[in-house]
Protein backbone atom coordinates (compact mmCIF):
# COMPACT_ATOMS: atom_id res chain seq x y z
CA MET A 1 -12.77 22.62 2.88
CA VAL A 2 -13.33 19.33 1.29
CA ALA A 3 -12.26 15.79 2.56
CA ILE A 4 -12.09 12.39 1.06
CA VAL A 5 -12.33 9.66 3.90
CA THR A 6 -11.82 6.03 2.65
CA GLY A 7 -13.09 3.30 4.81
CA ALA A 8 -15.68 5.83 5.88
CA GLY A 9 -18.76 3.54 6.99
CA THR A 10 -17.28 2.20 10.06
CA GLY A 11 -14.75 2.42 12.89
CA VAL A 12 -11.91 5.10 12.52
CA GLY A 13 -13.08 6.15 8.98
CA ARG A 14 -16.81 6.92 10.42
CA ALA A 15 -15.41 8.59 13.52
CA VAL A 16 -13.24 10.78 11.41
CA THR A 17 -15.75 11.46 8.91
CA LEU A 18 -18.20 12.98 11.73
CA ALA A 19 -15.71 14.96 13.32
CA LEU A 20 -14.59 16.54 10.12
CA MET A 21 -18.02 17.37 9.49
CA LYS A 22 -18.43 18.77 12.95
CA GLU A 23 -15.68 20.99 12.04
CA GLY A 24 -17.39 22.34 8.89
CA TYR A 25 -15.69 20.11 6.33
CA SER A 26 -17.70 18.57 3.41
CA VAL A 27 -16.79 15.14 3.24
CA VAL A 28 -16.85 12.46 0.29
CA LEU A 29 -17.22 9.03 2.09
CA ALA A 30 -15.69 6.00 0.36
CA GLY A 31 -15.79 2.41 1.08
CA ARG A 32 -16.81 -0.96 -0.45
CA ARG A 33 -20.40 -0.97 0.76
CA ALA A 34 -22.91 1.61 0.06
CA GLU A 35 -25.23 1.36 2.89
CA PRO A 36 -23.00 1.92 5.95
CA LEU A 37 -21.31 4.98 3.90
CA GLU A 38 -24.88 6.31 3.26
CA ARG A 39 -25.83 5.89 7.10
CA VAL A 40 -22.86 8.05 8.16
CA ALA A 41 -23.40 10.60 5.50
CA ARG A 42 -27.13 10.90 7.05
CA GLU A 43 -26.00 10.94 10.42
CA ALA A 44 -23.58 13.74 9.76
CA ASP A 45 -25.36 15.69 7.29
CA SER A 46 -29.28 15.35 7.02
CA GLY A 47 -29.70 17.75 4.20
CA GLY A 48 -27.07 16.16 2.09
CA SER A 49 -25.30 19.32 0.81
CA ARG A 50 -21.84 18.71 2.54
CA SER A 51 -21.55 15.10 2.04
CA LEU A 52 -21.16 12.52 -0.93
CA ALA A 53 -21.02 8.75 -0.78
CA VAL A 54 -19.35 7.06 -3.17
CA PRO A 55 -19.04 3.13 -3.09
CA THR A 56 -15.11 2.35 -3.84
CA ASP A 57 -12.98 -0.34 -3.94
CA VAL A 58 -9.59 1.35 -3.36
CA GLY A 59 -7.71 -1.41 -4.88
CA ASP A 60 -9.39 -0.78 -8.26
CA GLU A 61 -7.73 1.63 -10.06
CA ARG A 62 -10.84 2.85 -12.20
CA ALA A 63 -13.02 3.09 -9.22
CA VAL A 64 -10.36 5.43 -7.38
CA ILE A 65 -10.17 7.72 -10.71
CA ASP A 66 -14.06 8.09 -10.32
CA LEU A 67 -13.97 8.74 -6.79
CA PHE A 68 -11.93 11.72 -7.12
CA ALA A 69 -13.56 12.76 -10.25
CA ARG A 70 -16.92 12.85 -8.47
CA ALA A 71 -15.50 14.60 -5.68
CA VAL A 72 -14.12 17.49 -7.66
CA GLU A 73 -17.48 17.34 -9.74
CA LYS A 74 -19.32 18.04 -6.67
CA PHE A 75 -17.14 20.31 -4.51
CA GLY A 76 -14.66 21.72 -6.68
CA ARG A 77 -11.59 20.59 -5.09
CA VAL A 78 -10.12 18.32 -2.46
CA ASP A 79 -8.14 19.76 0.61
CA VAL A 80 -7.67 16.56 2.55
CA LEU A 81 -7.43 12.72 1.80
CA PHE A 82 -7.58 10.27 4.82
CA ASN A 83 -6.12 7.09 3.43
CA ASN A 84 -7.94 4.91 6.12
CA ALA A 85 -9.22 1.90 4.26
CA GLY A 86 -7.55 -1.40 5.29
CA LEU A 87 -7.92 -4.98 5.52
CA PRO A 88 -6.47 -7.20 8.72
CA ALA A 89 -4.13 -10.04 8.43
CA PRO A 90 -5.86 -13.66 8.04
CA GLY A 91 -4.48 -14.62 11.48
CA VAL A 92 -2.62 -17.84 10.57
CA SER A 93 0.86 -18.97 10.60
CA LEU A 94 3.06 -17.43 7.89
CA GLU A 95 3.42 -20.81 5.94
CA ASP A 96 -0.17 -21.23 5.88
CA ILE A 97 -0.85 -17.73 4.17
CA THR A 98 -2.10 -18.23 0.77
CA LEU A 99 -0.98 -15.97 -2.32
CA ASP A 100 -4.49 -14.82 -2.46
CA GLN A 101 -4.74 -13.66 1.13
CA TRP A 102 -1.39 -11.78 0.85
CA ARG A 103 -2.76 -10.26 -2.26
CA ALA A 104 -5.91 -9.15 -0.87
CA VAL A 105 -4.20 -7.26 2.11
CA VAL A 106 -1.53 -5.76 -0.19
CA ASP A 107 -4.18 -4.67 -2.81
CA VAL A 108 -6.22 -2.63 -0.07
CA ASN A 109 -3.58 -1.72 2.35
CA LEU A 110 -0.81 -0.66 0.06
CA THR A 111 -1.89 -0.54 -3.59
CA GLY A 112 -5.26 1.51 -2.39
CA MET A 113 -3.37 4.07 -0.70
CA PHE A 114 -0.91 4.65 -3.60
CA LEU A 115 -3.80 4.76 -6.08
CA CYS A 116 -5.59 7.42 -3.60
CA THR A 117 -2.66 9.39 -3.01
CA ARG A 118 -1.84 9.24 -7.14
CA GLU A 119 -5.28 10.65 -7.57
CA ALA A 120 -4.89 13.07 -4.77
CA PHE A 121 -1.63 14.59 -6.09
CA ARG A 122 -3.18 15.08 -9.52
CA VAL A 123 -6.25 17.04 -8.06
CA MET A 124 -3.97 19.05 -5.55
CA LYS A 125 -1.50 20.35 -7.85
CA ALA A 126 -4.05 21.41 -10.40
CA GLN A 127 -6.53 22.89 -8.53
CA SER A 128 -6.24 26.89 -7.35
CA PRO A 129 -5.19 27.64 -4.51
CA ARG A 130 -2.81 24.67 -5.07
CA GLY A 131 -1.69 22.04 -2.54
CA GLY A 132 -3.59 19.96 0.27
CA ARG A 133 -2.86 17.34 3.00
CA ILE A 134 -2.81 13.41 2.84
CA ILE A 135 -2.91 11.68 6.10
CA ASN A 136 -2.15 7.94 6.19
CA ASN A 137 -3.67 5.47 8.57
CA GLY A 138 -0.78 3.73 9.52
CA SER A 139 -0.72 1.48 12.55
CA ILE A 140 1.30 0.37 15.58
CA SER A 141 2.28 -2.40 13.39
CA ALA A 142 4.25 -0.15 11.20
CA HIS A 143 6.73 -0.21 14.09
CA ALA A 144 6.50 -3.68 15.90
CA PRO A 145 4.33 -6.75 14.40
CA ARG A 146 1.96 -9.12 16.25
CA PRO A 147 2.22 -12.77 15.97
CA ASN A 148 0.83 -13.99 12.65
CA SER A 149 0.43 -10.81 11.02
CA ALA A 150 2.96 -10.85 8.10
CA PRO A 151 0.87 -9.19 5.31
CA TYR A 152 -0.76 -6.50 7.40
CA THR A 153 2.66 -6.06 8.96
CA ALA A 154 4.58 -5.72 5.66
CA THR A 155 1.92 -3.42 4.31
CA LYS A 156 1.94 -1.09 7.25
CA HIS A 157 5.86 -0.63 7.13
CA ALA A 158 5.57 -0.07 3.27
CA VAL A 159 2.95 2.93 4.22
CA THR A 160 5.61 4.52 6.39
CA GLY A 161 7.83 4.57 3.03
CA LEU A 162 4.87 5.51 0.93
CA THR A 163 4.20 8.59 3.70
CA LYS A 164 8.05 9.77 3.64
CA SER A 165 8.29 9.68 -0.15
CA THR A 166 4.81 11.49 -0.47
CA SER A 167 5.81 14.07 1.78
CA LEU A 168 9.03 14.74 0.03
CA ASP A 169 7.58 14.71 -3.41
CA GLY A 170 4.68 16.97 -2.36
CA ARG A 171 6.93 19.69 -1.01
CA PRO A 172 7.07 21.68 -4.50
CA TYR A 173 3.40 21.52 -4.98
CA ASP A 174 2.19 22.55 -1.11
CA ILE A 175 1.06 18.87 -0.78
CA ALA A 176 1.67 17.78 2.89
CA CYS A 177 1.75 14.10 3.93
CA GLY A 178 1.70 12.74 7.58
CA GLN A 179 0.83 9.29 9.03
CA ILE A 180 -1.27 8.58 12.19
CA ASP A 181 -0.34 5.06 13.92
CA ILE A 182 -3.05 3.99 15.80
CA GLY A 183 -3.08 1.40 18.78
CA ASN A 184 -6.31 -0.43 20.08
CA ALA A 185 -8.88 2.47 19.09
CA GLU A 186 -12.42 0.75 20.29
CA THR A 187 -13.87 -0.35 17.16
CA ASP A 188 -15.73 -3.59 15.84
CA MET A 189 -12.32 -4.53 14.45
CA THR A 190 -10.60 -4.53 18.07
CA ALA A 191 -13.50 -5.92 19.94
CA ARG A 192 -11.51 -9.47 20.70
CA MET A 193 -9.21 -7.57 22.27
CA THR A 194 -11.30 -7.61 25.55
CA ALA A 195 -11.35 -11.21 25.55
CA GLY A 196 -7.62 -11.50 24.89
CA VAL A 197 -5.06 -11.26 22.00
CA ARG A 198 -2.15 -13.53 21.43
CA GLN A 199 1.32 -12.00 22.72
CA PRO A 200 4.61 -12.75 21.34
CA ASN A 201 5.42 -15.34 24.09
CA GLY A 202 2.45 -17.22 23.03
CA THR A 203 -0.07 -16.21 26.05
CA LEU A 204 -3.51 -14.68 25.25
CA MET A 205 -4.04 -11.42 27.03
CA PRO A 206 -6.92 -8.98 27.34
CA GLU A 207 -5.77 -5.36 26.19
CA PRO A 208 -6.90 -2.07 26.86
CA ARG A 209 -8.63 -0.02 24.37
CA MET A 210 -9.23 3.69 23.81
CA ASN A 211 -12.17 5.72 22.54
CA VAL A 212 -12.23 5.96 18.79
CA ASP A 213 -13.05 9.50 19.11
CA ASP A 214 -9.61 10.21 20.51
CA VAL A 215 -8.14 9.08 17.18
CA ALA A 216 -10.74 11.29 15.26
CA ARG A 217 -9.58 14.34 17.21
CA ALA A 218 -5.96 13.64 16.29
CA VAL A 219 -6.75 13.42 12.71
CA VAL A 220 -8.63 16.67 12.84
CA TYR A 221 -6.03 18.26 14.25
CA MET A 222 -3.42 17.10 11.61
CA ALA A 223 -5.82 18.16 9.04
CA SER A 224 -6.07 21.71 10.43
CA LEU A 225 -2.58 22.82 10.23
CA PRO A 226 -1.74 25.27 7.64
CA LEU A 227 0.29 23.80 4.57
CA GLU A 228 3.39 25.25 6.00
CA SER A 229 3.43 22.77 8.94
CA ASN A 230 3.16 19.14 8.96
CA VAL A 231 2.85 16.54 11.82
CA LEU A 232 4.87 13.60 9.65
CA PHE A 233 4.04 10.97 12.26
CA MET A 234 1.67 10.78 15.19
CA THR A 235 1.16 7.79 17.69
CA VAL A 236 -2.00 7.69 19.35
CA MET A 237 -2.86 4.63 21.31
CA ALA A 238 -4.44 3.13 24.48
CA ASN A 239 -2.13 4.30 27.36
CA LYS A 240 -1.88 0.96 28.84
CA MET A 241 -1.77 -1.25 25.65
CA PRO A 242 1.27 -3.61 25.66
CA PHE A 243 3.34 -1.64 22.81
CA VAL A 244 6.27 -0.18 24.44
CA GLY A 245 8.32 -3.41 25.14
CA ARG A 246 6.45 -5.52 22.93
CA GLY A 247 8.50 -8.62 21.92
């Protein structure tokens, strides 16, 4: 089985890459920076036979096409795509968000996910045996926003629509698509949560986090299902995070 993981060099992407390789997958690691990708690849696959690091800007159409071409060239097929690469919101008031800031988030979180999904469709439809699975990294923000997060929240709501459309359009070709919505996984991106995160009432409050390996196990479960079955949506979150009731 062959998987492509975007944003594979750090955080959730790193944890999922390691977990998939532990389960016997060959993994193509994609991300903007070569060094973190190569470090994770060495950590998981010292011999280099089951990993391939491909520096990739998922918002760049040509780079994404090259990513999938290199995956097929090395491993012959793509069984799983974990659409994980993403950028956070700039964290400023909505009226102060620049068009460049908006576009930067949209280019990675939405357009990048579309480009990877499109290439996965092309490969999965053509390969034999046909089909595969696409897993999109949504977010708790696909359900409820945090303050000052309009670009991020808008893209994550859009990811839900992309997931549903991909699931529907993939049916005739044995392509399954699901979404994992993650809340407060313990990564560098969420380190600030231990000091305090702005709440809807304007206060700052520390929020609990969960081990990122719990997310990785959930993704591996989604990936392990036969193509006759699908987890369309899964929420995995720190049990005590203030999500239910937010706002």
